[in-house]
Amino acid sequence: MYKIGEINLKHFEGIHKVLTPNVIITETQIEHIKERHPNDYERYFEYIPAILEDPDYIIEANKPNTSILLKSFSENGKNFQLILRLKASTDPESYENSIITFMKVNEKRYERHLRTKKILYKSE
């Protein structure tokens, strides 16, 4: 388990009762990303802290205590999706917010998320 960054708690006000800004990633999830999204983790790992701290959008996920963070980096034209499991009050004290998966997405998929999912937060 590795601390990978922090979320800005203000972005989640009114969305989830976030108990901690800390975000971790486990070895299991790193392996999942490497298997399901080849080369994304190795190539784009350094973008994860910026996505966590300042997402362009936070959209509703289909599981409780989970959000999808979207971020587009204009300097390189790349779009990313990060699925984040937020610590809930019913979780054990030792739990932290954790990354479920992370991937580069094309413009079409990025825009489809914005059209079809509920937007919970939008960067200004």
N, C-alpha and C. Protein backbone atom coordinates (compact mmCIF):
# COMPACT_ATOMS: atom_id res chain seq x y z
N MET A 1 0.85 -1.17 0.00
CA MET A 1 0.00 0.00 0.00
C MET A 1 0.90 1.23 0.00
N TYR A 2 0.59 2.17 -0.91
CA TYR A 2 1.40 3.37 -1.05
C TYR A 2 0.51 4.60 -1.01
N LYS A 3 0.93 5.62 -0.27
CA LYS A 3 0.23 6.90 -0.35
C LYS A 3 0.62 7.52 -1.68
N ILE A 4 -0.39 7.89 -2.47
CA ILE A 4 -0.13 8.39 -3.81
C ILE A 4 -0.46 9.87 -3.97
N GLY A 5 -1.20 10.42 -3.00
CA GLY A 5 -1.54 11.83 -3.07
C GLY A 5 -2.68 12.16 -2.12
N GLU A 6 -3.25 13.34 -2.35
CA GLU A 6 -4.38 13.79 -1.54
C GLU A 6 -5.43 14.42 -2.43
N ILE A 7 -6.67 14.33 -1.98
CA ILE A 7 -7.75 15.01 -2.68
C ILE A 7 -8.02 16.34 -1.97
N ASN A 8 -8.54 17.29 -2.72
CA ASN A 8 -8.96 18.57 -2.15
C ASN A 8 -10.36 18.35 -1.59
N LEU A 9 -10.49 18.40 -0.29
CA LEU A 9 -11.76 18.11 0.36
C LEU A 9 -12.88 19.04 -0.10
N LYS A 10 -12.56 20.27 -0.49
CA LYS A 10 -13.57 21.23 -0.96
C LYS A 10 -14.29 20.73 -2.21
N HIS A 11 -13.59 19.99 -3.05
CA HIS A 11 -14.21 19.47 -4.27
C HIS A 11 -15.31 18.45 -3.97
N PHE A 12 -15.27 17.85 -2.80
CA PHE A 12 -16.23 16.81 -2.45
C PHE A 12 -17.33 17.28 -1.51
N GLU A 13 -17.32 18.56 -1.14
CA GLU A 13 -18.36 19.09 -0.26
C GLU A 13 -19.72 18.91 -0.91
N GLY A 14 -20.65 18.35 -0.17
CA GLY A 14 -21.99 18.13 -0.70
C GLY A 14 -22.12 16.89 -1.57
N ILE A 15 -21.02 16.22 -1.86
CA ILE A 15 -21.04 15.00 -2.67
C ILE A 15 -20.95 13.78 -1.77
N HIS A 16 -19.85 13.72 -1.02
CA HIS A 16 -19.58 12.64 -0.08
C HIS A 16 -19.07 13.27 1.20
N LYS A 17 -19.32 12.62 2.29
CA LYS A 17 -18.70 13.05 3.54
C LYS A 17 -17.32 12.40 3.57
N VAL A 18 -16.33 13.15 3.10
CA VAL A 18 -14.98 12.62 3.01
C VAL A 18 -14.30 12.77 4.36
N LEU A 19 -13.74 11.67 4.85
CA LEU A 19 -13.17 11.64 6.19
C LEU A 19 -11.68 11.91 6.24
N THR A 20 -11.01 11.82 5.10
CA THR A 20 -9.57 12.04 5.05
C THR A 20 -9.18 12.48 3.63
N PRO A 21 -8.17 13.33 3.49
CA PRO A 21 -7.71 13.70 2.15
C PRO A 21 -6.76 12.67 1.55
N ASN A 22 -6.21 11.79 2.38
CA ASN A 22 -5.19 10.84 1.92
C ASN A 22 -5.75 9.84 0.92
N VAL A 23 -4.94 9.55 -0.11
CA VAL A 23 -5.32 8.56 -1.13
C VAL A 23 -4.17 7.57 -1.26
N ILE A 24 -4.54 6.30 -1.23
CA ILE A 24 -3.54 5.23 -1.37
C ILE A 24 -3.85 4.40 -2.61
N ILE A 25 -2.85 3.62 -3.00
CA ILE A 25 -3.04 2.61 -4.04
C ILE A 25 -2.36 1.34 -3.53
N THR A 26 -3.00 0.21 -3.76
CA THR A 26 -2.44 -1.06 -3.31
C THR A 26 -1.72 -1.75 -4.46
N GLU A 27 -0.86 -2.69 -4.13
CA GLU A 27 -0.19 -3.51 -5.15
C GLU A 27 -1.21 -4.22 -6.04
N THR A 28 -2.30 -4.69 -5.44
CA THR A 28 -3.34 -5.39 -6.19
C THR A 28 -3.93 -4.47 -7.26
N GLN A 29 -4.19 -3.21 -6.90
CA GLN A 29 -4.77 -2.28 -7.86
C GLN A 29 -3.75 -1.86 -8.92
N ILE A 30 -2.50 -1.75 -8.55
CA ILE A 30 -1.46 -1.45 -9.54
C ILE A 30 -1.42 -2.58 -10.56
N GLU A 31 -1.45 -3.82 -10.10
CA GLU A 31 -1.45 -4.97 -11.03
C GLU A 31 -2.70 -4.97 -11.90
N HIS A 32 -3.85 -4.64 -11.32
CA HIS A 32 -5.10 -4.55 -12.09
C HIS A 32 -4.94 -3.54 -13.22
N ILE A 33 -4.42 -2.35 -12.90
CA ILE A 33 -4.25 -1.31 -13.92
C ILE A 33 -3.29 -1.78 -15.01
N LYS A 34 -2.19 -2.39 -14.61
CA LYS A 34 -1.20 -2.87 -15.58
C LYS A 34 -1.78 -3.94 -16.50
N GLU A 35 -2.63 -4.81 -15.95
CA GLU A 35 -3.24 -5.88 -16.76
C GLU A 35 -4.35 -5.37 -17.66
N ARG A 36 -5.24 -4.55 -17.11
CA ARG A 36 -6.42 -4.11 -17.85
C ARG A 36 -6.17 -2.92 -18.78
N HIS A 37 -5.16 -2.12 -18.46
CA HIS A 37 -4.87 -0.90 -19.23
C HIS A 37 -3.36 -0.85 -19.50
N PRO A 38 -2.88 -1.74 -20.36
CA PRO A 38 -1.44 -1.89 -20.58
C PRO A 38 -0.73 -0.56 -20.85
N ASN A 39 0.36 -0.37 -20.15
CA ASN A 39 1.27 0.77 -20.26
C ASN A 39 0.74 2.08 -19.66
N ASP A 40 -0.53 2.17 -19.31
CA ASP A 40 -1.05 3.43 -18.76
C ASP A 40 -0.38 3.77 -17.43
N TYR A 41 -0.24 2.79 -16.56
CA TYR A 41 0.37 3.07 -15.26
C TYR A 41 1.82 3.51 -15.43
N GLU A 42 2.57 2.78 -16.23
CA GLU A 42 3.99 3.09 -16.43
C GLU A 42 4.17 4.46 -17.10
N ARG A 43 3.37 4.76 -18.10
CA ARG A 43 3.52 6.01 -18.86
C ARG A 43 2.98 7.24 -18.15
N TYR A 44 1.87 7.08 -17.41
CA TYR A 44 1.14 8.24 -16.92
C TYR A 44 1.02 8.34 -15.40
N PHE A 45 1.74 7.50 -14.69
CA PHE A 45 1.68 7.48 -13.23
C PHE A 45 1.84 8.87 -12.62
N GLU A 46 2.74 9.68 -13.20
CA GLU A 46 3.04 11.00 -12.61
C GLU A 46 1.85 11.97 -12.68
N TYR A 47 0.83 11.66 -13.48
CA TYR A 47 -0.36 12.52 -13.57
C TYR A 47 -1.34 12.30 -12.41
N ILE A 48 -1.25 11.19 -11.74
CA ILE A 48 -2.24 10.83 -10.72
C ILE A 48 -2.37 11.89 -9.62
N PRO A 49 -1.30 12.40 -9.01
CA PRO A 49 -1.49 13.41 -7.98
C PRO A 49 -2.25 14.65 -8.47
N ALA A 50 -1.99 15.11 -9.68
CA ALA A 50 -2.69 16.28 -10.23
C ALA A 50 -4.17 15.98 -10.46
N ILE A 51 -4.48 14.77 -10.89
CA ILE A 51 -5.88 14.38 -11.09
C ILE A 51 -6.61 14.37 -9.75
N LEU A 52 -5.97 13.84 -8.74
CA LEU A 52 -6.57 13.79 -7.40
C LEU A 52 -6.78 15.19 -6.82
N GLU A 53 -5.78 16.04 -6.94
CA GLU A 53 -5.83 17.37 -6.34
C GLU A 53 -6.75 18.33 -7.07
N ASP A 54 -6.81 18.21 -8.39
CA ASP A 54 -7.56 19.20 -9.17
C ASP A 54 -8.23 18.56 -10.39
N PRO A 55 -9.24 17.71 -10.18
CA PRO A 55 -9.93 17.11 -11.33
C PRO A 55 -10.75 18.16 -12.08
N ASP A 56 -10.94 17.93 -13.37
CA ASP A 56 -11.83 18.81 -14.14
C ASP A 56 -13.28 18.52 -13.78
N TYR A 57 -13.57 17.24 -13.57
CA TYR A 57 -14.92 16.81 -13.21
C TYR A 57 -14.86 15.69 -12.19
N ILE A 58 -15.87 15.65 -11.34
CA ILE A 58 -16.13 14.48 -10.51
C ILE A 58 -17.53 14.04 -10.92
N ILE A 59 -17.64 12.80 -11.35
CA ILE A 59 -18.94 12.30 -11.79
C ILE A 59 -19.35 11.09 -10.97
N GLU A 60 -20.64 10.86 -10.97
CA GLU A 60 -21.20 9.78 -10.18
C GLU A 60 -20.79 8.42 -10.73
N ALA A 61 -20.39 7.54 -9.83
CA ALA A 61 -20.05 6.16 -10.20
C ALA A 61 -21.25 5.28 -9.87
N ASN A 62 -21.19 4.04 -10.31
CA ASN A 62 -22.32 3.13 -10.09
C ASN A 62 -22.21 2.33 -8.79
N LYS A 63 -21.24 2.65 -7.94
CA LYS A 63 -21.09 1.97 -6.66
C LYS A 63 -21.07 3.00 -5.53
N PRO A 64 -21.53 2.61 -4.35
CA PRO A 64 -21.53 3.54 -3.23
C PRO A 64 -20.12 3.97 -2.84
N ASN A 65 -20.01 5.19 -2.34
CA ASN A 65 -18.73 5.74 -1.86
C ASN A 65 -17.64 5.73 -2.92
N THR A 66 -18.05 5.85 -4.17
CA THR A 66 -17.11 5.82 -5.28
C THR A 66 -17.40 6.97 -6.22
N SER A 67 -16.36 7.59 -6.72
CA SER A 67 -16.50 8.68 -7.70
C SER A 67 -15.53 8.45 -8.84
N ILE A 68 -15.89 9.03 -9.99
CA ILE A 68 -15.02 9.01 -11.15
C ILE A 68 -14.46 10.41 -11.32
N LEU A 69 -13.15 10.51 -11.36
CA LEU A 69 -12.49 11.80 -11.57
C LEU A 69 -11.99 11.84 -13.00
N LEU A 70 -12.29 12.93 -13.69
CA LEU A 70 -11.85 13.13 -15.06
C LEU A 70 -10.93 14.34 -15.12
N LYS A 71 -9.89 14.23 -15.92
CA LYS A 71 -8.94 15.34 -16.08
C LYS A 71 -8.38 15.30 -17.48
N SER A 72 -8.34 16.47 -18.11
CA SER A 72 -7.74 16.63 -19.43
C SER A 72 -6.53 17.54 -19.28
N PHE A 73 -5.41 17.13 -19.86
CA PHE A 73 -4.20 17.93 -19.82
C PHE A 73 -3.99 18.54 -21.20
N SER A 74 -4.21 19.83 -21.33
CA SER A 74 -4.17 20.48 -22.64
C SER A 74 -2.77 20.51 -23.25
N GLU A 75 -1.73 20.52 -22.41
CA GLU A 75 -0.38 20.60 -22.95
C GLU A 75 0.01 19.37 -23.77
N ASN A 76 -0.63 18.22 -23.49
CA ASN A 76 -0.31 17.03 -24.28
C ASN A 76 -1.54 16.39 -24.90
N GLY A 77 -2.72 17.00 -24.72
CA GLY A 77 -3.93 16.49 -25.34
C GLY A 77 -4.41 15.15 -24.81
N LYS A 78 -4.04 14.80 -23.60
CA LYS A 78 -4.42 13.50 -23.04
C LYS A 78 -5.53 13.68 -22.01
N ASN A 79 -6.45 12.71 -22.00
CA ASN A 79 -7.56 12.69 -21.05
C ASN A 79 -7.43 11.45 -20.17
N PHE A 80 -7.80 11.62 -18.89
CA PHE A 80 -7.67 10.51 -17.95
C PHE A 80 -8.93 10.34 -17.13
N GLN A 81 -9.14 9.09 -16.73
CA GLN A 81 -10.23 8.70 -15.86
C GLN A 81 -9.63 7.95 -14.68
N LEU A 82 -10.04 8.34 -13.48
CA LEU A 82 -9.56 7.69 -12.27
C LEU A 82 -10.78 7.36 -11.42
N ILE A 83 -10.91 6.12 -11.02
CA ILE A 83 -12.03 5.72 -10.17
C ILE A 83 -11.50 5.62 -8.74
N LEU A 84 -12.17 6.38 -7.86
CA LEU A 84 -11.71 6.54 -6.50
C LEU A 84 -12.75 6.04 -5.51
N ARG A 85 -12.33 5.13 -4.64
CA ARG A 85 -13.19 4.64 -3.55
C ARG A 85 -12.91 5.52 -2.34
N LEU A 86 -13.95 6.19 -1.87
CA LEU A 86 -13.81 7.10 -0.74
C LEU A 86 -14.09 6.39 0.58
N LYS A 87 -13.29 6.70 1.58
CA LYS A 87 -13.48 6.10 2.90
C LYS A 87 -14.85 6.51 3.44
N ALA A 88 -15.59 5.55 3.93
CA ALA A 88 -16.92 5.80 4.50
C ALA A 88 -16.84 5.70 6.02
N SER A 89 -17.82 6.29 6.67
CA SER A 89 -17.83 6.26 8.15
C SER A 89 -17.98 4.84 8.69
N THR A 90 -18.50 3.93 7.88
CA THR A 90 -18.67 2.54 8.31
C THR A 90 -17.42 1.69 8.07
N ASP A 91 -16.42 2.25 7.39
CA ASP A 91 -15.17 1.52 7.13
C ASP A 91 -14.32 1.46 8.40
N PRO A 92 -13.44 0.46 8.49
CA PRO A 92 -12.50 0.42 9.62
C PRO A 92 -11.66 1.70 9.69
N GLU A 93 -11.26 2.06 10.86
CA GLU A 93 -10.49 3.29 11.10
C GLU A 93 -9.23 3.37 10.22
N SER A 94 -8.61 2.24 9.96
CA SER A 94 -7.36 2.23 9.20
C SER A 94 -7.53 2.47 7.70
N TYR A 95 -8.75 2.44 7.20
CA TYR A 95 -8.98 2.62 5.76
C TYR A 95 -8.64 4.04 5.32
N GLU A 96 -8.27 4.17 4.06
CA GLU A 96 -8.03 5.46 3.42
C GLU A 96 -8.82 5.48 2.11
N ASN A 97 -8.92 6.65 1.48
CA ASN A 97 -9.45 6.71 0.13
C ASN A 97 -8.48 5.92 -0.75
N SER A 98 -9.00 5.19 -1.73
CA SER A 98 -8.10 4.37 -2.53
C SER A 98 -8.48 4.36 -4.00
N ILE A 99 -7.46 4.25 -4.83
CA ILE A 99 -7.66 4.20 -6.27
C ILE A 99 -8.07 2.79 -6.65
N ILE A 100 -9.17 2.70 -7.38
CA ILE A 100 -9.65 1.42 -7.89
C ILE A 100 -9.01 1.14 -9.24
N THR A 101 -9.07 2.14 -10.13
CA THR A 101 -8.42 2.00 -11.43
C THR A 101 -8.11 3.38 -12.00
N PHE A 102 -7.27 3.37 -13.03
CA PHE A 102 -6.79 4.60 -13.65
C PHE A 102 -6.47 4.27 -15.09
N MET A 103 -6.86 5.16 -16.01
CA MET A 103 -6.56 4.91 -17.42
C MET A 103 -6.62 6.18 -18.25
N LYS A 104 -5.92 6.15 -19.34
CA LYS A 104 -6.02 7.19 -20.36
C LYS A 104 -7.27 6.86 -21.17
N VAL A 105 -8.07 7.90 -21.50
CA VAL A 105 -9.28 7.68 -22.29
C VAL A 105 -9.28 8.61 -23.48
N ASN A 106 -9.92 8.16 -24.56
CA ASN A 106 -9.98 9.02 -25.74
C ASN A 106 -11.05 10.09 -25.54
N GLU A 107 -11.04 11.07 -26.41
CA GLU A 107 -11.96 12.21 -26.31
C GLU A 107 -13.42 11.76 -26.35
N LYS A 108 -13.72 10.79 -27.19
CA LYS A 108 -15.09 10.30 -27.33
C LYS A 108 -15.61 9.72 -26.01
N ARG A 109 -14.81 8.91 -25.35
CA ARG A 109 -15.22 8.31 -24.07
C ARG A 109 -15.34 9.38 -22.98
N TYR A 110 -14.40 10.31 -22.96
CA TYR A 110 -14.42 11.40 -21.99
C TYR A 110 -15.73 12.19 -22.12
N GLU A 111 -16.07 12.56 -23.34
CA GLU A 111 -17.29 13.33 -23.60
C GLU A 111 -18.55 12.50 -23.31
N ARG A 112 -18.51 11.21 -23.59
CA ARG A 112 -19.67 10.35 -23.30
C ARG A 112 -19.95 10.30 -21.79
N HIS A 113 -18.90 10.25 -20.99
CA HIS A 113 -19.08 10.30 -19.53
C HIS A 113 -19.82 11.58 -19.14
N LEU A 114 -19.43 12.68 -19.73
CA LEU A 114 -20.04 13.96 -19.38
C LEU A 114 -21.50 14.04 -19.83
N ARG A 115 -21.82 13.39 -20.92
CA ARG A 115 -23.21 13.39 -21.43
C ARG A 115 -24.11 12.44 -20.68
N THR A 116 -23.57 11.30 -20.25
CA THR A 116 -24.43 10.23 -19.74
C THR A 116 -24.40 10.05 -18.22
N LYS A 117 -23.45 10.65 -17.55
CA LYS A 117 -23.33 10.48 -16.10
C LYS A 117 -23.67 11.79 -15.39
N LYS A 118 -24.03 11.67 -14.15
CA LYS A 118 -24.35 12.85 -13.35
C LYS A 118 -23.05 13.54 -12.92
N ILE A 119 -22.92 14.82 -13.25
CA ILE A 119 -21.74 15.60 -12.88
C ILE A 119 -21.96 16.12 -11.47
N LEU A 120 -21.04 15.77 -10.57
CA LEU A 120 -21.14 16.17 -9.17
C LEU A 120 -20.29 17.40 -8.87
N TYR A 121 -19.23 17.62 -9.65
CA TYR A 121 -18.34 18.76 -9.47
C TYR A 121 -17.75 19.09 -10.83
N LYS A 122 -17.63 20.39 -11.10
CA LYS A 122 -16.98 20.86 -12.32
C LYS A 122 -15.98 21.96 -11.93
N SER A 123 -14.76 21.84 -12.42
CA SER A 123 -13.74 22.83 -12.17
C SER A 123 -14.14 24.15 -12.83
N GLU A 124 -13.78 25.24 -12.18
CA GLU A 124 -14.14 26.55 -12.75
C GLU A 124 -12.97 27.20 -13.42
